[in-house]
Protein backbone atom coordinates (compact mmCIF):
# COMPACT_ATOMS: atom_id res chain seq x y z
CA MET A 1 -107.94 27.40 -39.72
CA LYS A 2 -111.31 27.17 -37.96
CA ARG A 3 -109.67 25.23 -35.15
CA ILE A 4 -107.27 28.06 -34.39
CA LEU A 5 -109.78 30.88 -34.84
CA SER A 6 -112.14 29.15 -32.40
CA TYR A 7 -109.73 30.27 -29.67
CA LEU A 8 -110.85 33.85 -30.33
CA MET A 9 -114.48 33.14 -29.37
CA PRO A 10 -114.00 33.78 -25.61
CA PHE A 11 -112.64 37.24 -26.48
CA ARG A 12 -115.36 38.23 -28.97
CA PHE A 13 -116.87 40.91 -26.69
CA ARG A 14 -113.53 42.65 -26.19
CA MET A 15 -112.82 42.34 -29.91
CA VAL A 16 -116.18 43.94 -30.79
CA VAL A 17 -115.51 46.85 -28.41
CA GLY A 18 -112.05 47.28 -29.89
CA PHE A 19 -113.56 47.06 -33.38
CA LEU A 20 -116.02 49.87 -32.63
CA ILE A 21 -113.29 52.06 -31.12
CA LYS A 22 -111.06 51.42 -34.14
CA VAL A 23 -113.90 52.26 -36.54
CA THR A 24 -114.59 55.50 -34.68
CA GLY A 25 -110.95 56.54 -34.92
CA THR A 26 -110.77 55.58 -38.61
CA VAL A 27 -113.92 57.55 -39.48
CA ALA A 28 -112.47 60.58 -37.69
CA GLU A 29 -109.26 60.17 -39.72
CA LEU A 30 -111.25 59.97 -42.97
CA LEU A 31 -113.09 63.20 -42.18
CA LEU A 32 -109.89 65.29 -42.03
CA PRO A 33 -109.29 65.71 -45.81
CA PHE A 34 -113.02 66.26 -46.37
CA ILE A 35 -113.12 69.07 -43.76
CA LEU A 36 -109.94 70.58 -45.22
CA THR A 37 -111.51 70.64 -48.70
CA TYR A 38 -114.63 72.29 -47.33
CA ILE A 39 -112.52 74.96 -45.58
CA LEU A 40 -110.53 75.69 -48.75
CA GLU A 41 -113.57 75.89 -51.03
CA ASN A 42 -116.17 77.52 -48.80
CA VAL A 43 -114.84 78.98 -45.56
CA ILE A 44 -111.65 80.75 -46.71
CA ALA A 45 -113.41 82.18 -49.75
CA ALA A 46 -115.93 83.83 -47.39
CA LEU A 47 -113.06 85.38 -45.35
CA ASP A 48 -114.83 84.25 -42.16
CA VAL A 49 -112.04 83.88 -39.59
CA ARG A 50 -114.43 82.62 -36.91
CA ARG A 51 -115.57 79.71 -39.09
CA VAL A 52 -111.95 78.94 -40.02
CA VAL A 53 -111.10 78.64 -36.33
CA LEU A 54 -114.18 76.52 -35.61
CA TYR A 55 -113.43 74.09 -38.46
CA GLY A 56 -109.79 74.08 -37.39
CA ILE A 57 -110.86 73.06 -33.90
CA LEU A 58 -113.07 70.36 -35.46
CA MET A 59 -110.03 69.00 -37.34
CA VAL A 60 -108.03 68.97 -34.09
CA ILE A 61 -110.86 67.09 -32.34
CA CYS A 62 -110.99 64.54 -35.19
CA SER A 63 -107.23 64.14 -34.99
CA ILE A 64 -107.39 63.53 -31.23
CA ILE A 65 -110.26 61.04 -31.64
CA ALA A 66 -108.29 59.20 -34.34
CA CYS A 67 -105.13 59.10 -32.20
CA VAL A 68 -106.78 58.12 -28.91
CA GLY A 69 -109.08 55.62 -30.64
CA ASN A 70 -106.20 53.87 -32.38
CA ILE A 71 -104.11 53.76 -29.19
CA ALA A 72 -106.99 52.37 -27.10
CA ALA A 73 -107.98 49.81 -29.75
CA ASN A 74 -104.37 48.69 -30.19
CA ARG A 75 -103.96 48.21 -26.46
CA MET A 76 -107.11 46.07 -26.36
CA ALA A 77 -105.88 44.13 -29.39
CA SER A 78 -102.54 43.44 -27.68
CA LYS A 79 -104.31 42.08 -24.59
CA VAL A 80 -106.60 39.86 -26.68
CA THR A 81 -103.63 38.61 -28.72
CA ALA A 82 -101.63 37.80 -25.59
CA ASP A 83 -104.53 35.89 -24.01
CA PHE A 84 -105.26 34.09 -27.29
CA SER A 85 -101.66 32.95 -27.76
CA LEU A 86 -101.48 31.92 -24.10
CA ALA A 87 -104.48 29.62 -24.58
CA VAL A 88 -103.11 28.15 -27.84
CA ARG A 89 -99.65 27.45 -26.39
CA ARG A 90 -101.18 25.99 -23.22
CA ASP A 91 -103.45 23.57 -25.08
CA LEU A 92 -100.74 22.70 -27.59
CA PHE A 93 -98.25 21.87 -24.84
CA ARG A 94 -100.87 19.97 -22.85
CA LYS A 95 -101.78 17.95 -25.94
CA THR A 96 -98.15 16.95 -26.48
CA MET A 97 -97.85 15.92 -22.83
CA TYR A 98 -100.71 13.45 -23.27
CA PHE A 99 -99.54 12.10 -26.62
CA SER A 100 -98.81 8.44 -26.79
CA ALA A 101 -95.22 7.57 -27.58
CA ARG A 102 -96.35 6.47 -31.05
CA ASP A 103 -97.91 9.90 -31.72
CA THR A 104 -94.77 11.63 -30.47
CA ASP A 105 -92.67 9.46 -32.77
CA ALA A 106 -94.92 10.38 -35.70
CA PHE A 107 -94.55 14.13 -35.19
CA THR A 108 -90.97 14.02 -33.78
CA ILE A 109 -89.82 16.11 -30.81
CA PRO A 110 -88.12 18.86 -32.89
CA SER A 111 -91.30 19.36 -34.93
CA LEU A 112 -93.43 19.62 -31.79
CA GLU A 113 -90.95 22.12 -30.34
CA SER A 114 -91.11 24.37 -33.40
CA ARG A 115 -94.93 24.15 -33.49
CA ILE A 116 -95.14 25.30 -29.87
CA THR A 117 -92.66 28.14 -30.46
CA THR A 118 -92.25 29.36 -34.06
CA ASP A 119 -95.71 28.42 -35.34
CA THR A 120 -97.55 29.95 -32.39
CA TYR A 121 -95.45 33.10 -32.89
CA HIS A 122 -96.62 33.39 -36.52
CA VAL A 123 -100.24 32.83 -35.50
CA GLN A 124 -99.96 35.37 -32.70
CA ASN A 125 -98.50 38.01 -35.04
CA PHE A 126 -101.29 37.57 -37.57
CA VAL A 127 -104.07 37.73 -34.98
CA GLY A 128 -102.56 40.92 -33.57
CA MET A 129 -102.18 42.44 -37.05
CA MET A 130 -105.76 41.53 -37.93
CA GLN A 131 -107.08 43.45 -34.94
CA ARG A 132 -104.86 46.48 -35.52
CA MET A 133 -104.84 46.75 -39.30
CA GLY A 134 -107.54 44.29 -40.33
CA VAL A 135 -110.19 46.79 -39.24
CA ARG A 136 -108.51 50.09 -40.02
CA ALA A 137 -107.18 49.25 -43.50
CA PRO A 138 -110.49 48.04 -45.05
CA PHE A 139 -112.35 51.02 -43.56
CA LEU A 140 -109.75 53.45 -44.88
CA LEU A 141 -109.95 51.77 -48.26
CA ALA A 142 -113.76 51.58 -48.44
CA GLY A 143 -114.30 54.97 -46.80
CA GLY A 144 -111.75 56.67 -49.01
CA ILE A 145 -113.33 55.22 -52.15
CA ILE A 146 -116.85 56.24 -51.10
CA ILE A 147 -115.86 59.81 -50.19
CA THR A 148 -113.81 60.28 -53.38
CA LEU A 149 -116.74 59.00 -55.47
CA ILE A 150 -118.95 61.59 -53.80
CA MET A 151 -116.38 64.35 -54.39
CA ASP A 152 -115.37 63.54 -58.00
CA LYS A 153 -116.44 60.36 -59.78
CA ALA A 154 -114.03 60.73 -62.69
CA LEU A 155 -110.93 61.02 -60.51
CA ALA A 156 -112.20 58.28 -58.23
CA LEU A 157 -112.68 55.87 -61.12
CA VAL A 158 -109.09 56.45 -62.31
CA MET A 159 -107.89 55.57 -58.82
CA ILE A 160 -110.24 52.58 -58.43
CA ALA A 161 -109.07 51.10 -61.75
CA THR A 162 -105.75 50.11 -60.17
CA LEU A 163 -107.30 48.24 -57.22
CA PRO A 164 -108.35 45.01 -59.06
CA LEU A 165 -104.81 44.68 -60.44
CA ILE A 166 -103.39 45.07 -56.94
CA GLY A 167 -105.88 42.56 -55.51
CA VAL A 168 -105.10 39.92 -58.15
CA THR A 169 -101.35 40.36 -57.59
CA VAL A 170 -101.61 40.06 -53.81
CA PHE A 171 -103.98 37.06 -53.91
CA GLY A 172 -101.95 35.15 -56.48
CA ILE A 173 -98.64 35.59 -54.68
CA SER A 174 -100.12 34.87 -51.24
CA HIS A 175 -101.77 31.68 -52.52
CA LYS A 176 -98.37 30.48 -53.71
CA GLY A 177 -96.73 31.45 -50.44
CA VAL A 178 -98.67 29.11 -48.10
CA PRO A 179 -97.09 25.81 -49.28
CA LEU A 180 -93.68 27.51 -49.43
CA TYR A 181 -93.90 28.59 -45.80
CA THR A 182 -94.97 25.04 -44.89
CA GLU A 183 -91.72 23.80 -46.42
CA VAL A 184 -89.80 26.49 -44.55
CA GLN A 185 -91.27 25.28 -41.25
CA LYS A 186 -90.25 21.70 -42.05
CA SER A 187 -86.69 22.94 -42.54
CA VAL A 188 -86.96 24.76 -39.20
CA ASP A 189 -87.91 21.38 -37.66
CA ALA A 190 -84.77 19.84 -39.14
CA MET A 191 -82.56 22.63 -37.83
CA VAL A 192 -84.12 22.40 -34.36
CA ARG A 193 -83.44 18.66 -34.38
CA VAL A 194 -79.72 19.18 -35.08
CA VAL A 195 -79.43 21.94 -32.47
CA ARG A 196 -81.24 19.78 -29.92
CA GLU A 197 -79.02 16.77 -30.61
CA ASP A 198 -75.83 18.84 -30.41
CA ALA A 199 -76.93 20.54 -27.18
CA GLN A 200 -77.58 17.15 -25.58
CA GLY A 201 -74.36 15.62 -26.84
CA ILE A 202 -72.04 18.60 -26.49
CA ARG A 203 -69.71 16.78 -24.08
CA VAL A 204 -69.30 13.80 -26.39
CA ILE A 205 -68.75 16.15 -29.34
CA LYS A 206 -65.97 17.95 -27.48
CA ALA A 207 -64.46 14.73 -26.16
CA LEU A 208 -64.21 13.27 -29.67
CA SER A 209 -63.15 16.61 -31.25
CA LYS A 210 -66.11 16.54 -33.62
CA ASN A 211 -66.84 20.26 -33.41
CA ASP A 212 -66.05 20.83 -37.08
CA TYR A 213 -68.11 17.81 -38.11
CA GLU A 214 -71.15 19.08 -36.22
CA ASN A 215 -70.59 22.57 -37.62
CA ARG A 216 -70.74 21.11 -41.12
CA ARG A 217 -73.87 19.13 -40.25
CA TYR A 218 -75.52 22.28 -38.91
CA ASP A 219 -74.36 24.27 -41.95
CA ARG A 220 -76.16 21.81 -44.23
CA VAL A 221 -79.56 22.18 -42.54
CA ASN A 222 -79.00 25.91 -42.07
CA ALA A 223 -78.19 26.33 -45.77
CA GLU A 224 -81.28 24.34 -46.73
CA LEU A 225 -83.43 26.56 -44.51
CA SER A 226 -81.77 29.67 -45.94
CA ARG A 227 -82.40 28.46 -49.50
CA LYS A 228 -86.10 27.93 -48.84
CA GLU A 229 -86.42 31.22 -46.96
CA CYS A 230 -84.69 33.00 -49.84
CA ARG A 231 -87.07 31.44 -52.34
CA VAL A 232 -90.18 32.38 -50.40
CA GLY A 233 -88.69 35.80 -49.66
CA VAL A 234 -88.12 36.48 -53.37
CA ILE A 235 -91.67 35.47 -54.25
CA MET A 236 -93.33 37.34 -51.38
CA GLY A 237 -91.03 40.31 -52.00
CA ILE A 238 -92.71 40.88 -55.36
CA VAL A 239 -95.86 42.16 -53.65
CA ASN A 240 -94.63 45.53 -52.38
CA PRO A 241 -92.78 46.65 -55.54
CA VAL A 242 -95.72 45.67 -57.78
CA MET A 243 -98.18 47.42 -55.47
CA THR A 244 -95.99 50.53 -55.35
CA LEU A 245 -95.79 50.54 -59.16
CA LEU A 246 -99.53 50.19 -59.60
CA MET A 247 -100.28 52.85 -56.98
CA ASN A 248 -97.77 55.24 -58.54
CA LEU A 249 -99.40 54.67 -61.92
CA GLY A 250 -102.72 55.39 -60.25
CA ILE A 251 -101.37 58.64 -58.76
CA ALA A 252 -99.98 59.66 -62.15
CA GLY A 253 -103.34 58.93 -63.75
CA VAL A 254 -105.19 60.93 -61.09
CA VAL A 255 -102.80 63.89 -61.50
CA ALA A 256 -103.12 63.80 -65.31
CA VAL A 257 -106.91 63.62 -65.27
CA ALA A 258 -107.11 66.19 -62.46
CA ALA A 259 -104.97 68.64 -64.45
CA VAL A 260 -107.32 68.37 -67.42
CA ARG A 261 -110.44 68.69 -65.25
CA VAL A 262 -109.10 71.69 -63.33
CA ALA A 263 -108.15 73.36 -66.62
CA ARG A 264 -111.74 72.84 -67.81
CA ASN A 265 -113.17 74.00 -64.46
CA ALA A 266 -114.71 70.52 -63.98
CA SER A 267 -112.87 70.16 -60.70
CA SER A 268 -111.16 72.42 -58.16
CA PRO A 269 -107.60 72.52 -56.80
CA ALA A 270 -109.01 71.91 -53.29
CA THR A 271 -110.63 68.71 -54.52
CA VAL A 272 -107.34 67.59 -56.06
CA ILE A 273 -105.55 68.28 -52.77
CA ALA A 274 -108.14 66.22 -50.90
CA PHE A 275 -107.86 63.48 -53.52
CA MET A 276 -104.12 63.24 -53.05
CA GLN A 277 -104.63 62.91 -49.30
CA TYR A 278 -107.27 60.24 -49.76
CA PHE A 279 -105.10 58.46 -52.29
CA THR A 280 -102.30 58.48 -49.70
CA LEU A 281 -104.67 56.98 -47.12
CA ILE A 282 -105.89 54.39 -49.61
CA SER A 283 -102.29 53.58 -50.57
CA MET A 284 -101.41 53.10 -46.92
CA ALA A 285 -104.44 50.85 -46.53
CA MET A 286 -103.41 48.77 -49.53
CA MET A 287 -99.87 48.47 -48.22
CA SER A 288 -101.24 47.32 -44.87
CA LEU A 289 -103.45 44.77 -46.62
CA SER A 290 -100.47 43.49 -48.59
CA ARG A 291 -98.51 43.05 -45.35
CA MET A 292 -101.48 41.20 -43.89
CA PHE A 293 -101.62 38.88 -46.88
CA ALA A 294 -97.89 38.22 -46.54
CA MET A 295 -98.39 37.42 -42.86
CA TYR A 296 -101.43 35.34 -43.74
CA THR A 297 -99.27 32.92 -45.69
CA LYS A 298 -97.19 32.27 -42.58
CA PHE A 299 -100.31 32.16 -40.44
CA ALA A 300 -102.10 29.66 -42.68
CA ALA A 301 -99.10 27.32 -42.81
CA SER A 302 -98.52 27.55 -39.05
CA ALA A 303 -102.22 27.28 -38.15
CA ARG A 304 -102.44 24.09 -40.18
CA ARG A 305 -99.44 22.60 -38.37
CA ILE A 306 -100.85 23.55 -34.96
CA ALA A 307 -104.28 22.16 -35.83
CA GLU A 308 -102.68 18.85 -36.84
CA VAL A 309 -101.46 18.46 -33.26
CA LEU A 310 -104.64 19.71 -31.57
CA ASP A 311 -106.90 17.54 -33.75
CA THR A 312 -104.90 14.34 -33.27
CA PRO A 313 -107.29 11.96 -31.48
CA ASP A 314 -106.24 10.66 -28.09
CA SER A 315 -104.99 7.15 -28.71
CA PHE A 316 -105.22 6.32 -25.00
CA PHE A 317 -108.57 4.54 -24.96
CA VAL A 318 -110.17 2.90 -21.92
CA GLU A 319 -112.30 -0.21 -22.29
CA GLU A 320 -114.56 -2.01 -19.85
CA ASP A 321 -113.12 -5.02 -18.05
CA GLN A 322 -114.43 -6.62 -14.88
CA GLY A 323 -111.13 -8.38 -14.27
CA ASP A 324 -110.17 -12.04 -14.17
CA ASP A 325 -110.67 -13.41 -10.66
CA THR A 326 -108.68 -16.50 -11.56
CA ASP A 327 -105.60 -14.42 -12.44
CA LYS A 328 -103.84 -13.83 -9.12
CA ALA A 329 -100.71 -12.39 -10.71
CA CYS A 330 -99.72 -8.79 -10.21
CA ILE A 331 -98.51 -8.59 -13.82
CA SER A 332 -99.11 -11.03 -16.64
CA PHE A 333 -98.14 -10.97 -20.31
CA LYS A 334 -99.93 -13.44 -22.60
CA ASN A 335 -98.58 -13.92 -26.12
CA VAL A 336 -97.70 -10.24 -26.46
CA SER A 337 -96.27 -9.10 -29.79
CA PHE A 338 -95.40 -5.57 -30.85
CA SER A 339 -93.72 -3.64 -33.67
CA TYR A 340 -92.73 0.02 -33.64
CA PHE A 341 -93.16 0.57 -37.37
CA GLY A 342 -95.36 -2.35 -38.40
CA LYS A 343 -92.55 -4.24 -40.13
CA LYS A 344 -90.05 -6.09 -37.96
CA LYS A 345 -91.40 -7.63 -34.74
CA ASN A 346 -89.72 -5.89 -31.82
CA MET A 347 -91.48 -8.19 -29.32
CA GLU A 348 -92.83 -11.61 -30.17
CA ASN A 349 -94.99 -14.00 -28.12
CA ILE A 350 -93.92 -12.69 -24.71
CA THR A 351 -95.60 -14.68 -21.95
CA PHE A 352 -94.88 -14.55 -18.22
CA SER A 353 -96.59 -13.78 -14.92
CA LEU A 354 -95.30 -12.06 -11.81
CA PRO A 355 -96.97 -12.49 -8.41
CA GLU A 356 -97.82 -9.63 -6.08
CA GLY A 357 -94.68 -8.60 -4.20
CA GLY A 358 -92.50 -10.67 -6.55
CA THR A 359 -89.27 -9.62 -8.19
CA LEU A 360 -88.52 -9.87 -11.90
CA GLY A 361 -85.15 -9.38 -13.56
CA ILE A 362 -84.87 -8.70 -17.30
CA ILE A 363 -81.52 -9.12 -18.98
CA GLY A 364 -80.29 -9.31 -22.54
CA ALA A 365 -78.04 -7.73 -25.11
CA THR A 366 -78.53 -4.19 -26.36
CA GLY A 367 -81.57 -4.09 -28.64
CA SER A 368 -83.03 -7.30 -27.24
CA GLY A 369 -86.30 -5.60 -26.25
CA LYS A 370 -85.81 -4.95 -22.53
CA SER A 371 -86.90 -1.31 -22.56
CA THR A 372 -89.64 -2.07 -25.09
CA LEU A 373 -91.19 -4.51 -22.63
CA VAL A 374 -91.18 -1.79 -19.96
CA LYS A 375 -92.77 0.70 -22.38
CA LEU A 376 -95.59 -1.77 -23.09
CA LEU A 377 -96.12 -2.32 -19.37
CA LEU A 378 -96.34 1.44 -18.80
CA ARG A 379 -98.59 1.65 -21.86
CA PHE A 380 -96.41 4.09 -23.71
CA TYR A 381 -97.39 1.90 -26.66
CA ASP A 382 -100.29 -0.51 -27.15
CA THR A 383 -99.60 -4.10 -28.12
CA ASP A 384 -100.25 -5.34 -31.65
CA SER A 385 -101.52 -8.64 -30.30
CA GLY A 386 -101.73 -10.50 -27.02
CA GLU A 387 -102.83 -9.24 -23.63
CA ILE A 388 -101.29 -7.47 -20.65
CA ARG A 389 -103.05 -7.66 -17.29
CA ILE A 390 -102.26 -5.88 -14.06
CA ARG A 391 -103.87 -7.33 -10.94
CA GLY A 392 -106.35 -9.26 -13.04
CA ARG A 393 -107.50 -6.33 -15.18
CA LYS A 394 -106.57 -5.62 -18.77
CA ILE A 395 -104.09 -2.78 -18.96
CA THR A 396 -106.47 -1.02 -21.37
CA SER A 397 -109.17 -0.89 -18.66
CA TYR A 398 -107.12 1.48 -16.49
CA THR A 399 -107.48 5.22 -16.88
CA ARG A 400 -104.28 7.18 -17.37
CA GLU A 401 -104.39 8.36 -13.75
CA GLU A 402 -105.08 4.88 -12.36
CA LEU A 403 -102.27 3.34 -14.38
CA THR A 404 -99.58 5.88 -13.54
CA SER A 405 -100.46 5.76 -9.83
CA LEU A 406 -99.43 2.09 -9.75
CA PHE A 407 -95.83 2.67 -10.80
CA GLY A 408 -92.62 4.17 -9.58
CA VAL A 409 -90.16 4.34 -12.47
CA ALA A 410 -86.47 5.13 -12.81
CA LEU A 411 -85.23 5.04 -16.39
CA GLN A 412 -81.63 5.09 -17.59
CA ASN A 413 -82.11 8.31 -19.60
CA ASP A 414 -84.62 9.95 -17.27
CA PHE A 415 -84.48 13.70 -16.85
CA ILE A 416 -83.61 16.14 -14.11
CA TYR A 417 -84.86 19.70 -14.31
CA ALA A 418 -83.35 22.92 -12.97
CA ASP A 419 -84.53 22.94 -9.36
CA THR A 420 -83.40 21.67 -5.97
CA ILE A 421 -82.60 18.03 -5.24
CA LEU A 422 -85.62 18.01 -2.94
CA GLU A 423 -88.03 19.11 -5.67
CA ASN A 424 -86.48 16.73 -8.19
CA ILE A 425 -87.22 13.84 -5.83
CA ARG A 426 -90.71 15.08 -4.97
CA PHE A 427 -91.42 15.80 -8.63
CA GLY A 428 -94.53 17.86 -7.96
CA ARG A 429 -95.96 15.43 -5.41
CA ASP A 430 -96.92 16.30 -1.84
CA ILE A 431 -94.36 14.01 -0.22
CA PRO A 432 -93.24 14.70 3.39
CA MET A 433 -89.59 15.41 4.04
CA ASP A 434 -89.09 12.25 6.07
CA GLU A 435 -90.30 10.16 3.10
CA VAL A 436 -87.92 11.98 0.78
CA VAL A 437 -85.00 11.24 3.12
CA ARG A 438 -86.10 7.59 3.45
CA ALA A 439 -86.19 7.21 -0.34
CA ALA A 440 -82.79 8.87 -0.67
CA LYS A 441 -81.27 6.54 1.92
CA VAL A 442 -82.61 3.45 0.14
CA ALA A 443 -81.32 4.83 -3.17
CA GLN A 444 -77.86 5.36 -1.59
CA ALA A 445 -78.19 9.10 -2.31
CA HIS A 446 -78.53 10.50 1.22
CA ASP A 447 -74.82 10.43 2.03
CA PHE A 448 -73.63 12.44 -0.96
CA ILE A 449 -76.60 14.85 -0.65
CA SER A 450 -75.79 15.47 3.02
CA ALA A 451 -72.18 16.15 2.11
CA ILE A 452 -73.24 19.08 -0.11
CA PRO A 453 -73.39 22.37 1.87
CA ASP A 454 -76.97 23.10 0.75
CA GLY A 455 -78.06 19.48 1.20
CA TYR A 456 -81.48 18.77 -0.25
CA GLU A 457 -81.85 22.46 -1.17
CA HIS A 458 -78.88 22.25 -3.53
CA MET A 459 -79.86 23.65 -6.92
CA LEU A 460 -79.35 21.29 -9.85
CA SER A 461 -78.74 22.44 -13.39
CA SER A 462 -80.90 21.28 -16.27
CA LYS A 463 -80.28 17.56 -16.89
CA GLY A 464 -78.30 17.45 -13.64
CA THR A 465 -75.00 18.27 -15.30
CA ASN A 466 -73.56 19.40 -11.95
CA LEU A 467 -73.87 15.83 -10.63
CA SER A 468 -71.93 12.75 -11.62
CA GLY A 469 -73.65 10.02 -13.60
CA GLY A 470 -74.00 7.78 -10.55
CA GLN A 471 -75.35 10.63 -8.42
CA ARG A 472 -77.97 11.45 -11.04
CA GLN A 473 -79.10 7.83 -11.15
CA ARG A 474 -79.42 7.68 -7.38
CA VAL A 475 -81.56 10.85 -7.34
CA LEU A 476 -83.78 9.29 -10.02
CA ILE A 477 -84.13 6.06 -8.05
CA ALA A 478 -85.02 8.11 -4.96
CA ARG A 479 -87.72 9.84 -7.01
CA ALA A 480 -89.17 6.46 -8.00
CA LEU A 481 -89.15 5.23 -4.38
CA ALA A 482 -90.49 8.40 -2.74
CA GLY A 483 -94.14 7.69 -3.55
CA ARG A 484 -94.02 4.11 -2.15
CA PRO A 485 -95.24 2.61 -5.45
CA GLY A 486 -96.97 -0.75 -5.65
CA ILE A 487 -94.88 -1.62 -8.71
CA LEU A 488 -91.28 -0.39 -8.92
CA ILE A 489 -89.50 -0.42 -12.30
CA LEU A 490 -85.75 0.13 -12.47
CA ASP A 491 -84.85 0.24 -16.16
CA ASP A 492 -81.05 0.06 -16.34
CA SER A 493 -81.09 2.78 -13.70
CA SER A 494 -77.96 1.58 -11.85
CA SER A 495 -75.65 1.24 -14.85
CA ALA A 496 -73.48 4.14 -13.65
CA LEU A 497 -73.14 2.80 -10.10
CA ASP A 498 -70.04 1.00 -8.92
CA TYR A 499 -70.49 -2.63 -7.90
CA LYS A 500 -70.40 -1.92 -4.17
CA THR A 501 -73.03 0.84 -4.36
CA ASP A 502 -75.15 -1.35 -6.62
CA ALA A 503 -74.96 -4.19 -4.09
CA ASN A 504 -75.90 -1.85 -1.24
CA LEU A 505 -78.82 -0.55 -3.30
CA ARG A 506 -80.14 -4.05 -3.95
CA ARG A 507 -79.82 -4.95 -0.28
CA ALA A 508 -81.68 -1.79 0.77
CA LEU A 509 -84.41 -2.41 -1.79
CA ALA A 510 -84.93 -5.95 -0.51
CA GLU A 511 -85.42 -4.59 3.00
CA ASP A 512 -87.46 -1.45 2.30
CA VAL A 513 -89.76 -2.35 -0.61
CA SER A 514 -90.40 -6.00 0.20
CA ASP A 515 -94.15 -5.45 -0.25
CA SER A 516 -93.75 -3.91 -3.72
CA THR A 517 -93.50 -5.77 -6.98
CA VAL A 518 -90.07 -4.93 -8.39
CA ILE A 519 -88.93 -5.18 -12.01
CA THR A 520 -85.22 -4.69 -12.63
CA VAL A 521 -83.86 -4.23 -16.15
CA ALA A 522 -80.08 -4.51 -16.22
CA GLN A 523 -76.98 -5.47 -18.15
CA ARG A 524 -75.33 -6.95 -15.07
CA VAL A 525 -76.14 -10.40 -13.83
CA SER A 526 -75.35 -9.15 -10.32
CA SER A 527 -78.31 -6.76 -10.51
CA VAL A 528 -80.85 -9.48 -11.28
CA LYS A 529 -79.39 -12.70 -9.78
CA ASN A 530 -81.46 -12.47 -6.61
CA CYS A 531 -84.76 -11.86 -8.42
CA GLY A 532 -87.44 -14.52 -7.99
CA GLN A 533 -87.77 -14.75 -11.77
CA ILE A 534 -85.43 -13.70 -14.57
CA LEU A 535 -86.26 -13.24 -18.24
CA VAL A 536 -83.48 -13.48 -20.82
CA LEU A 537 -84.41 -11.63 -24.01
CA ASP A 538 -82.91 -11.82 -27.47
CA GLU A 539 -84.32 -9.95 -30.51
CA GLY A 540 -87.67 -9.47 -28.79
CA ARG A 541 -88.15 -13.12 -27.72
CA ILE A 542 -87.76 -14.88 -24.39
CA ILE A 543 -84.91 -17.35 -24.73
CA GLY A 544 -84.60 -18.12 -21.04
CA GLN A 545 -86.87 -17.93 -18.00
CA GLY A 546 -86.35 -18.96 -14.41
CA THR A 547 -84.20 -18.27 -11.35
CA HIS A 548 -80.48 -17.54 -11.52
CA GLU A 549 -79.57 -21.12 -10.69
CA GLU A 550 -82.05 -22.56 -13.17
CA LEU A 551 -80.83 -20.33 -15.99
CA LEU A 552 -77.21 -21.27 -15.35
CA GLU A 553 -78.28 -24.83 -16.07
CA THR A 554 -80.79 -24.30 -18.89
CA CYS A 555 -79.84 -21.09 -20.77
CA LYS A 556 -76.52 -21.00 -22.61
CA GLU A 557 -76.70 -17.24 -23.31
CA TYR A 558 -77.33 -16.40 -19.65
CA ARG A 559 -74.52 -18.67 -18.54
CA GLU A 560 -72.13 -16.94 -20.95
CA ILE A 561 -73.13 -13.49 -19.66
CA SER A 562 -72.70 -14.65 -16.07
CA GLU A 563 -69.31 -16.21 -16.67
CA SER A 564 -68.04 -13.12 -18.54
CA GLN A 565 -68.91 -10.94 -15.51
CA MET A 566 -67.69 -13.18 -12.73
CA GLY A 567 -64.44 -11.28 -12.17
CA GLY A 568 -65.97 -8.96 -9.58
CA ALA A 569 -69.61 -8.79 -10.60
CA PHE A 570 -70.95 -10.28 -7.38
CA VAL A 571 -70.08 -7.87 -4.62
CA GLU A 572 -72.49 -8.30 -1.74
């Protein structure tokens, strides 16, 4: 809670000004029944038309002050709320962008999405309501009680007697609502996950005619969300009817007591009229407070979920390391082991070194650990044991900026966003046009881009759905090459290319990036056969290491893969 409310500190001056304006308008509103009572009891009885007009003008002025004050304060509150939510969403999104892969796995992508959207919406609504009604309602309530006590203590006490009952009801129900709304948000996460998965896999769903299956899967999570929302709605829906009942009982009590007091000349009809107006104002204030408590339950649950993300410590630490002058390798792994969930070893005792400007091929069956090795090298995850060094320095001694500047990466499931081909290759970097074209030519993308009427200015859809699979991969490879990286990683990034294009790509890479250290992860032997060193992985272990010729002699698994692909795998 404190973590979220700290975002309001930069706006405290504007909030104080808005608070004062709101108080002024509320005080003016509270004076209206009091002035009316005075007119009825004192001015009209004196038959002084001039004083009636003057007090009438005073009531008009109070009404204008109340109206203008509320409008001005609400406008200021809206601006503060918008700036507050902007800051929260910005920091929340920025935090998720710098999460380690392990932290992202812990929260899950759908949960992070709903925290950035739904949860910030609930927080924003409550902060706005607090500024609009959180000032006005308590002042109407307190001011109304004080004025009615001054006017008639007996009637005021009848009215006040209902307030503790209302307060206990609202507090008890709101306290129960916070954990319920937390469960609702978890169900929202589950629904977002299904929607996200179906949106990404819509083509496969249609191709396999699984529309009805996915509809049923969505119906299950939707029904679960509806059930929880219904439960919390029923509980929170008790507040308004109970409050209305108690306030109506209070009104009935005031009317009954007022009738007796008027009959005994202990009170006046004008006072009763004023009391009914004040009771209406107090009732409105209590209704507003009940709405605020209902919104508070959503706010508290959402604020806690947002704070969990913001307060997660940055797991990307940097330690001192002077480097190992004896280690001349560009990349070296020494007895590296790693597990995603702390149970099964996903990588075990991985040891190899790659010289500067060398080429490394990594091959193995699906699930053998190829992409995991790349993730460790990019430091998406930290190793459980062992050591990774880049150019003699521990990988943990590089800052995030230093580390990412070393690599150019093209992943199999990389993303393309809705912008031009040019901007997708530049990817926010200040890369000259001639370098973009060079990278596209090496990636075998320039020809098909030039054939498009708009060329490099051709607008791509989100995820590049208006390109073929091979075209997308070539754009991604061009993106990796455009910055002339010192270390180039191609993680199964040519799987959608035909053999001829793949061979042309490898030939162009050998000519253009001969000074770079290149790591190629592939399923095809043809993609790695010319690498200076090849690693064969199986269940997270190295079962073969050497050149293509050496592995054909020494590694049975590699030889079997090579022989199974010989019928056209090697197109040069």
